[in-house]
């Protein structure tokens, strides 16, 4: 998307998620906040937006519903399917006919297997698990994989990792590597998954995070060789 299209997408997500859930004055404030503070950011974080809205205006009624609605709209790439842009159309907060929210995406897409198509080492199990999580995040929101890698990169700065752990996990977080090697210790694998899990809990909430990790774990555990290197042992 162009910068202008992405700005419109973010406004639409905020407006159409908020308009039937927040008072009109808070809907208007939410759209203004989106344009003022969240258009220049490389990643649009729903959790951070709601936190900032709470600071600027006050706590929204039923914030969990707003969070879910915004995340549901964030996976829609067709701007018209989200709904009209409130800027240039009806004023934010103006009465409109209720929009039909798009159906939630399928709950899980198969995780990408290791390059060899099988799990033949702990590194392969870890690769499949980490990349499976990123693949699932991509279907929840097109900007979530980049946000996850950036979030993990920040968390790794405080993690207790060995030299190879720092090198390989940071290369993965920077998008410079898609697979891990046997130089990575089991301890570092545990740490990497732990940091990704904590980031997801902050961004998606614990219920959705457990669903994502559980679904990917089941999928990766079905790959050939996973019985010898069970991905569950890495959690």
C-alpha atoms as a PDB file:
ATOM      1  CA  UNK A   1       0.000   0.000   0.000  1.00  0.00           C
ATOM      2  CA  UNK A   2       1.046   3.608  -0.505  1.00  0.00           C
ATOM      3  CA  UNK A   3       1.545   5.818   2.545  1.00  0.00           C
ATOM      4  CA  UNK A   4      -1.796   7.497   1.856  1.00  0.00           C
ATOM      5  CA  UNK A   5      -3.601   4.160   1.543  1.00  0.00           C
ATOM      6  CA  UNK A   6      -2.068   2.896   4.785  1.00  0.00           C
ATOM      7  CA  UNK A   7      -3.155   6.087   6.559  1.00  0.00           C
ATOM      8  CA  UNK A   8      -6.677   5.528   5.272  1.00  0.00           C
ATOM      9  CA  UNK A   9      -6.584   1.873   6.333  1.00  0.00           C
ATOM     10  CA  UNK A  10      -5.645   2.790   9.904  1.00  0.00           C
ATOM     11  CA  UNK A  11      -8.363   5.464  10.129  1.00  0.00           C
ATOM     12  CA  UNK A  12     -10.966   3.017   8.833  1.00  0.00           C
ATOM     13  CA  UNK A  13      -9.918   0.342  11.332  1.00  0.00           C
ATOM     14  CA  UNK A  14     -10.214   2.791  14.223  1.00  0.00           C
ATOM     15  CA  UNK A  15     -13.472   4.354  13.090  1.00  0.00           C
ATOM     16  CA  UNK A  16     -15.422   1.243  12.120  1.00  0.00           C
ATOM     17  CA  UNK A  17     -14.293  -0.694  15.184  1.00  0.00           C
ATOM     18  CA  UNK A  18     -15.151   2.212  17.495  1.00  0.00           C
ATOM     19  CA  UNK A  19     -18.309   3.770  16.089  1.00  0.00           C
ATOM     20  CA  UNK A  20     -20.800   1.271  17.490  1.00  0.00           C
ATOM     21  CA  UNK A  21     -18.813   0.702  20.703  1.00  0.00           C
ATOM     22  CA  UNK A  22     -17.778   4.167  21.891  1.00  0.00           C
ATOM     23  CA  UNK A  23     -19.619   7.461  22.480  1.00  0.00           C
ATOM     24  CA  UNK A  24     -19.565   9.777  19.457  1.00  0.00           C
ATOM     25  CA  UNK A  25     -17.131  12.225  21.042  1.00  0.00           C
ATOM     26  CA  UNK A  26     -14.720   9.384  21.833  1.00  0.00           C
ATOM     27  CA  UNK A  27     -15.015   8.061  18.256  1.00  0.00           C
ATOM     28  CA  UNK A  28     -14.027  11.508  16.964  1.00  0.00           C
ATOM     29  CA  UNK A  29     -11.151  11.692  19.424  1.00  0.00           C
ATOM     30  CA  UNK A  30      -9.971   8.205  18.403  1.00  0.00           C
ATOM     31  CA  UNK A  31      -9.837   9.134  14.715  1.00  0.00           C
ATOM     32  CA  UNK A  32      -7.973  12.366  15.484  1.00  0.00           C
ATOM     33  CA  UNK A  33      -5.527  10.475  17.701  1.00  0.00           C
ATOM     34  CA  UNK A  34      -4.918   7.936  14.930  1.00  0.00           C
ATOM     35  CA  UNK A  35      -4.103  10.677  12.421  1.00  0.00           C
ATOM     36  CA  UNK A  36      -2.011  12.709  14.860  1.00  0.00           C
ATOM     37  CA  UNK A  37       0.132  10.020  16.513  1.00  0.00           C
ATOM     38  CA  UNK A  38      -0.192   6.697  14.690  1.00  0.00           C
ATOM     39  CA  UNK A  39       0.263   7.461  10.990  1.00  0.00           C
ATOM     40  CA  UNK A  40       4.040   7.888  10.998  1.00  0.00           C
ATOM     41  CA  UNK A  41       4.702   4.678  12.927  1.00  0.00           C
ATOM     42  CA  UNK A  42       5.952   1.738  10.828  1.00  0.00           C
ATOM     43  CA  UNK A  43       3.658  -0.695  12.673  1.00  0.00           C
ATOM     44  CA  UNK A  44       0.120  -0.013  13.862  1.00  0.00           C
ATOM     45  CA  UNK A  45      -0.245  -1.636  17.290  1.00  0.00           C
ATOM     46  CA  UNK A  46      -3.840  -2.016  18.459  1.00  0.00           C
ATOM     47  CA  UNK A  47      -2.738  -2.517  22.056  1.00  0.00           C
ATOM     48  CA  UNK A  48      -0.655   0.679  22.042  1.00  0.00           C
ATOM     49  CA  UNK A  49      -3.437   2.633  20.353  1.00  0.00           C
ATOM     50  CA  UNK A  50      -6.008   1.658  22.989  1.00  0.00           C
ATOM     51  CA  UNK A  51      -3.526   2.442  25.767  1.00  0.00           C
ATOM     52  CA  UNK A  52      -2.856   5.882  24.274  1.00  0.00           C
ATOM     53  CA  UNK A  53      -6.584   6.504  23.766  1.00  0.00           C
ATOM     54  CA  UNK A  54      -7.136   5.685  27.427  1.00  0.00           C
ATOM     55  CA  UNK A  55      -4.439   8.181  28.439  1.00  0.00           C
ATOM     56  CA  UNK A  56      -5.766  10.932  26.156  1.00  0.00           C
ATOM     57  CA  UNK A  57      -9.528  10.559  26.564  1.00  0.00           C
ATOM     58  CA  UNK A  58     -10.237   8.035  29.279  1.00  0.00           C
ATOM     59  CA  UNK A  59     -10.908   4.302  29.420  1.00  0.00           C
ATOM     60  CA  UNK A  60     -13.189   3.116  26.610  1.00  0.00           C
ATOM     61  CA  UNK A  61     -16.252   1.079  27.539  1.00  0.00           C
ATOM     62  CA  UNK A  62     -15.593  -2.644  27.029  1.00  0.00           C
ATOM     63  CA  UNK A  63     -11.988  -2.248  25.840  1.00  0.00           C
ATOM     64  CA  UNK A  64     -11.770  -5.979  25.166  1.00  0.00           C
ATOM     65  CA  UNK A  65     -14.510  -5.727  22.542  1.00  0.00           C
ATOM     66  CA  UNK A  66     -12.766  -2.746  20.935  1.00  0.00           C
ATOM     67  CA  UNK A  67      -9.454  -4.627  20.908  1.00  0.00           C
ATOM     68  CA  UNK A  68     -11.060  -7.660  19.244  1.00  0.00           C
ATOM     69  CA  UNK A  69     -12.921  -5.558  16.675  1.00  0.00           C
ATOM     70  CA  UNK A  70      -9.814  -3.608  15.678  1.00  0.00           C
ATOM     71  CA  UNK A  71      -7.750  -6.780  15.317  1.00  0.00           C
ATOM     72  CA  UNK A  72     -10.514  -8.358  13.224  1.00  0.00           C
ATOM     73  CA  UNK A  73     -10.562  -5.401  10.844  1.00  0.00           C
ATOM     74  CA  UNK A  74      -6.766  -5.229  10.720  1.00  0.00           C
ATOM     75  CA  UNK A  75      -6.562  -8.504   8.783  1.00  0.00           C
ATOM     76  CA  UNK A  76      -8.718  -7.076   5.959  1.00  0.00           C
ATOM     77  CA  UNK A  77      -6.586  -5.817   3.070  1.00  0.00           C
ATOM     78  CA  UNK A  78      -9.466  -4.523   0.902  1.00  0.00           C
ATOM     79  CA  UNK A  79     -10.094  -0.969   2.117  1.00  0.00           C
ATOM     80  CA  UNK A  80     -13.695  -0.922   0.888  1.00  0.00           C
ATOM     81  CA  UNK A  81     -14.419  -4.092   2.862  1.00  0.00           C
ATOM     82  CA  UNK A  82     -13.418  -2.314   6.072  1.00  0.00           C
ATOM     83  CA  UNK A  83     -15.803   0.561   5.361  1.00  0.00           C
ATOM     84  CA  UNK A  84     -15.668   4.186   4.193  1.00  0.00           C
ATOM     85  CA  UNK A  85     -12.844   6.447   5.291  1.00  0.00           C
ATOM     86  CA  UNK A  86     -14.279   8.836   7.911  1.00  0.00           C
ATOM     87  CA  UNK A  87     -12.038  11.634   6.610  1.00  0.00           C
ATOM     88  CA  UNK A  88     -13.532  13.066   3.454  1.00  0.00           C
ATOM     89  CA  UNK A  89     -16.831  11.269   4.044  1.00  0.00           C
ATOM     90  CA  UNK A  90     -19.174  11.443   6.980  1.00  0.00           C
ATOM     91  CA  UNK A  91     -17.788  13.245   9.998  1.00  0.00           C
ATOM     92  CA  UNK A  92     -16.449  10.933  12.674  1.00  0.00           C
ATOM     93  CA  UNK A  93     -19.219  10.176  15.105  1.00  0.00           C
ATOM     94  CA  UNK A  94     -22.014  10.915  12.641  1.00  0.00           C
ATOM     95  CA  UNK A  95     -24.843   8.337  12.665  1.00  0.00           C
ATOM     96  CA  UNK A  96     -24.519   5.685   9.981  1.00  0.00           C
ATOM     97  CA  UNK A  97     -26.100   2.358   9.262  1.00  0.00           C
ATOM     98  CA  UNK A  98     -24.242  -0.409  11.119  1.00  0.00           C
ATOM     99  CA  UNK A  99     -21.525  -1.886   8.972  1.00  0.00           C
ATOM    100  CA  UNK A 100     -21.226  -5.602   8.566  1.00  0.00           C
ATOM    101  CA  UNK A 101     -17.942  -6.637  10.097  1.00  0.00           C
ATOM    102  CA  UNK A 102     -15.961  -9.093   7.986  1.00  0.00           C
ATOM    103  CA  UNK A 103     -15.859 -12.614   9.262  1.00  0.00           C
ATOM    104  CA  UNK A 104     -12.888 -13.497  11.401  1.00  0.00           C
ATOM    105  CA  UNK A 105     -10.126 -15.255   9.455  1.00  0.00           C
ATOM    106  CA  UNK A 106      -9.723 -19.007   9.697  1.00  0.00           C
ATOM    107  CA  UNK A 107      -8.245 -19.821  13.077  1.00  0.00           C
ATOM    108  CA  UNK A 108      -5.072 -21.401  11.782  1.00  0.00           C
ATOM    109  CA  UNK A 109      -2.954 -21.767   8.678  1.00  0.00           C
ATOM    110  CA  UNK A 110      -0.400 -24.574   8.520  1.00  0.00           C
ATOM    111  CA  UNK A 111       3.024 -23.654   9.793  1.00  0.00           C
ATOM    112  CA  UNK A 112       5.856 -23.633   7.297  1.00  0.00           C
ATOM    113  CA  UNK A 113       7.934 -26.793   7.736  1.00  0.00           C
ATOM    114  CA  UNK A 114      11.687 -26.843   7.917  1.00  0.00           C
ATOM    115  CA  UNK A 115      13.511 -26.441   4.632  1.00  0.00           C
ATOM    116  CA  UNK A 116      14.107 -30.202   4.453  1.00  0.00           C
ATOM    117  CA  UNK A 117      10.399 -30.925   5.022  1.00  0.00           C
ATOM    118  CA  UNK A 118      11.144 -32.804   8.242  1.00  0.00           C
ATOM    119  CA  UNK A 119      12.372 -32.272  11.786  1.00  0.00           C
ATOM    120  CA  UNK A 120      15.864 -33.771  11.962  1.00  0.00           C
ATOM    121  CA  UNK A 121      17.351 -31.741  14.836  1.00  0.00           C
ATOM    122  CA  UNK A 122      16.405 -29.430  17.683  1.00  0.00           C
ATOM    123  CA  UNK A 123      17.396 -26.503  15.458  1.00  0.00           C
ATOM    124  CA  UNK A 124      14.925 -27.665  12.787  1.00  0.00           C
ATOM    125  CA  UNK A 125      12.171 -28.020  15.399  1.00  0.00           C
ATOM    126  CA  UNK A 126      12.902 -24.531  16.706  1.00  0.00           C
ATOM    127  CA  UNK A 127      12.998 -23.085  13.177  1.00  0.00           C
ATOM    128  CA  UNK A 128       9.635 -24.604  12.313  1.00  0.00           C
ATOM    129  CA  UNK A 129       8.091 -23.409  15.569  1.00  0.00           C
ATOM    130  CA  UNK A 130       9.340 -19.805  15.364  1.00  0.00           C
ATOM    131  CA  UNK A 131       8.519 -19.418  11.671  1.00  0.00           C
ATOM    132  CA  UNK A 132       5.145 -21.085  12.207  1.00  0.00           C
ATOM    133  CA  UNK A 133       4.255 -18.447  14.797  1.00  0.00           C
ATOM    134  CA  UNK A 134       5.287 -15.661  12.415  1.00  0.00           C
ATOM    135  CA  UNK A 135       3.237 -17.254   9.645  1.00  0.00           C
ATOM    136  CA  UNK A 136       0.152 -17.325  11.848  1.00  0.00           C
ATOM    137  CA  UNK A 137       0.717 -13.712  12.905  1.00  0.00           C
ATOM    138  CA  UNK A 138       0.827 -12.696   9.244  1.00  0.00           C
ATOM    139  CA  UNK A 139      -2.737 -13.930   8.811  1.00  0.00           C
ATOM    140  CA  UNK A 140      -3.899 -12.043  11.893  1.00  0.00           C
ATOM    141  CA  UNK A 141      -2.459  -8.769  10.609  1.00  0.00           C
ATOM    142  CA  UNK A 142      -0.070  -7.895   7.770  1.00  0.00           C
ATOM    143  CA  UNK A 143       2.095  -5.744  10.040  1.00  0.00           C
ATOM    144  CA  UNK A 144       2.314  -8.235  12.912  1.00  0.00           C
ATOM    145  CA  UNK A 145       5.348 -10.261  11.691  1.00  0.00           C
ATOM    146  CA  UNK A 146       7.516  -7.125  11.514  1.00  0.00           C
ATOM    147  CA  UNK A 147       6.183  -6.007  14.889  1.00  0.00           C
ATOM    148  CA  UNK A 148       6.958  -9.413  16.398  1.00  0.00           C
ATOM    149  CA  UNK A 149      10.530  -9.444  15.113  1.00  0.00           C
ATOM    150  CA  UNK A 150      11.097  -5.885  16.329  1.00  0.00           C
ATOM    151  CA  UNK A 151       9.576  -6.684  19.708  1.00  0.00           C
ATOM    152  CA  UNK A 152      11.690  -9.808  20.133  1.00  0.00           C
ATOM    153  CA  UNK A 153      14.819  -7.887  19.127  1.00  0.00           C
ATOM    154  CA  UNK A 154      14.203  -5.403  21.948  1.00  0.00           C
ATOM    155  CA  UNK A 155      13.559  -8.167  24.476  1.00  0.00           C
ATOM    156  CA  UNK A 156      16.695 -10.075  23.472  1.00  0.00           C
ATOM    157  CA  UNK A 157      18.814  -7.161  24.681  1.00  0.00           C
ATOM    158  CA  UNK A 158      17.932  -8.126  28.263  1.00  0.00           C
ATOM    159  CA  UNK A 159      17.836 -11.904  27.791  1.00  0.00           C
ATOM    160  CA  UNK A 160      20.511 -14.215  29.180  1.00  0.00           C
ATOM    161  CA  UNK A 161      21.858 -15.735  25.968  1.00  0.00           C
ATOM    162  CA  UNK A 162      25.088 -17.314  24.871  1.00  0.00           C
ATOM    163  CA  UNK A 163      27.155 -15.738  22.051  1.00  0.00           C
ATOM    164  CA  UNK A 164      25.585 -17.969  19.395  1.00  0.00           C
ATOM    165  CA  UNK A 165      22.157 -17.276  20.853  1.00  0.00           C
ATOM    166  CA  UNK A 166      22.606 -13.540  20.489  1.00  0.00           C
ATOM    167  CA  UNK A 167      23.967 -13.892  16.960  1.00  0.00           C
ATOM    168  CA  UNK A 168      21.330 -16.267  15.584  1.00  0.00           C
ATOM    169  CA  UNK A 169      18.259 -14.901  17.364  1.00  0.00           C
ATOM    170  CA  UNK A 170      19.131 -11.317  16.483  1.00  0.00           C
ATOM    171  CA  UNK A 171      19.740 -12.309  12.855  1.00  0.00           C
ATOM    172  CA  UNK A 172      16.273 -13.911  12.834  1.00  0.00           C
ATOM    173  CA  UNK A 173      14.708 -10.853  14.482  1.00  0.00           C
ATOM    174  CA  UNK A 174      16.360  -8.581  11.889  1.00  0.00           C
ATOM    175  CA  UNK A 175      15.006 -10.728   9.062  1.00  0.00           C
ATOM    176  CA  UNK A 176      18.500 -11.750   7.975  1.00  0.00           C
ATOM    177  CA  UNK A 177      18.044 -15.470   8.690  1.00  0.00           C
ATOM    178  CA  UNK A 178      15.074 -17.815   8.374  1.00  0.00           C
ATOM    179  CA  UNK A 179      16.650 -20.915   9.909  1.00  0.00           C
ATOM    180  CA  UNK A 180      18.676 -21.731  13.001  1.00  0.00           C
ATOM    181  CA  UNK A 181      21.716 -23.982  13.347  1.00  0.00           C
ATOM    182  CA  UNK A 182      22.821 -26.589  15.883  1.00  0.00           C
ATOM    183  CA  UNK A 183      25.167 -24.002  17.403  1.00  0.00           C
ATOM    184  CA  UNK A 184      22.094 -22.603  19.178  1.00  0.00           C
ATOM    185  CA  UNK A 185      21.709 -24.166  22.624  1.00  0.00           C
ATOM    186  CA  UNK A 186      18.429 -25.555  23.976  1.00  0.00           C
ATOM    187  CA  UNK A 187      18.585 -22.858  26.658  1.00  0.00           C
ATOM    188  CA  UNK A 188      18.720 -20.153  23.995  1.00  0.00           C
ATOM    189  CA  UNK A 189      15.827 -21.761  22.120  1.00  0.00           C
ATOM    190  CA  UNK A 190      13.752 -21.678  25.311  1.00  0.00           C
ATOM    191  CA  UNK A 191      14.657 -18.005  25.743  1.00  0.00           C
ATOM    192  CA  UNK A 192      13.760 -17.101  22.160  1.00  0.00           C
ATOM    193  CA  UNK A 193      10.334 -18.738  22.343  1.00  0.00           C
ATOM    194  CA  UNK A 194       9.743 -17.217  25.770  1.00  0.00           C
ATOM    195  CA  UNK A 195      10.422 -13.696  24.504  1.00  0.00           C
ATOM    196  CA  UNK A 196       8.189 -14.227  21.465  1.00  0.00           C
ATOM    197  CA  UNK A 197       5.420 -15.535  23.731  1.00  0.00           C
ATOM    198  CA  UNK A 198       5.671 -12.548  26.086  1.00  0.00           C
ATOM    199  CA  UNK A 199       5.578 -10.119  23.170  1.00  0.00           C
ATOM    200  CA  UNK A 200       2.481 -11.846  21.768  1.00  0.00           C
ATOM    201  CA  UNK A 201       0.729 -11.721  25.155  1.00  0.00           C
ATOM    202  CA  UNK A 202       1.237  -7.950  25.257  1.00  0.00           C
ATOM    203  CA  UNK A 203       0.084  -7.457  21.667  1.00  0.00           C
ATOM    204  CA  UNK A 204      -2.695 -10.056  21.262  1.00  0.00           C
ATOM    205  CA  UNK A 205      -3.658 -10.849  24.827  1.00  0.00           C
ATOM    206  CA  UNK A 206      -2.979 -14.154  26.625  1.00  0.00           C
ATOM    207  CA  UNK A 207      -6.042 -16.022  25.310  1.00  0.00           C
ATOM    208  CA  UNK A 208      -5.262 -15.368  21.638  1.00  0.00           C
ATOM    209  CA  UNK A 209      -1.556 -15.991  22.236  1.00  0.00           C
ATOM    210  CA  UNK A 210      -2.246 -19.403  23.756  1.00  0.00           C
ATOM    211  CA  UNK A 211      -4.492 -20.230  20.801  1.00  0.00           C
ATOM    212  CA  UNK A 212      -1.807 -19.256  18.287  1.00  0.00           C
ATOM    213  CA  UNK A 213       1.011 -21.100  20.061  1.00  0.00           C
ATOM    214  CA  UNK A 214      -1.151 -24.168  20.658  1.00  0.00           C
ATOM    215  CA  UNK A 215      -2.258 -24.372  17.035  1.00  0.00           C
ATOM    216  CA  UNK A 216       1.280 -23.975  15.693  1.00  0.00           C
ATOM    217  CA  UNK A 217       2.594 -26.505  18.208  1.00  0.00           C
ATOM    218  CA  UNK A 218       0.044 -29.089  17.029  1.00  0.00           C
ATOM    219  CA  UNK A 219       0.924 -28.468  13.375  1.00  0.00           C
ATOM    220  CA  UNK A 220       4.701 -28.588  13.851  1.00  0.00           C
ATOM    221  CA  UNK A 221       4.401 -31.708  16.025  1.00  0.00           C
ATOM    222  CA  UNK A 222       2.920 -33.546  13.019  1.00  0.00           C
ATOM    223  CA  UNK A 223       5.976 -32.987  10.831  1.00  0.00           C
ATOM    224  CA  UNK A 224       8.135 -36.054  10.095  1.00  0.00           C
ATOM    225  CA  UNK A 225      10.778 -36.543  12.760  1.00  0.00           C
ATOM    226  CA  UNK A 226       9.022 -34.398  15.370  1.00  0.00           C
ATOM    227  CA  UNK A 227       8.657 -37.405  17.689  1.00  0.00           C
ATOM    228  CA  UNK A 228      12.457 -37.529  18.063  1.00  0.00           C
ATOM    229  CA  UNK A 229      12.721 -33.747  18.580  1.00  0.00           C
ATOM    230  CA  UNK A 230       9.361 -32.777  20.132  1.00  0.00           C
ATOM    231  CA  UNK A 231       8.720 -29.028  19.707  1.00  0.00           C
ATOM    232  CA  UNK A 232       6.771 -29.011  22.999  1.00  0.00           C
ATOM    233  CA  UNK A 233      10.066 -29.532  24.838  1.00  0.00           C
ATOM    234  CA  UNK A 234      11.237 -26.136  23.637  1.00  0.00           C
ATOM    235  CA  UNK A 235       8.487 -24.253  25.497  1.00  0.00           C
END
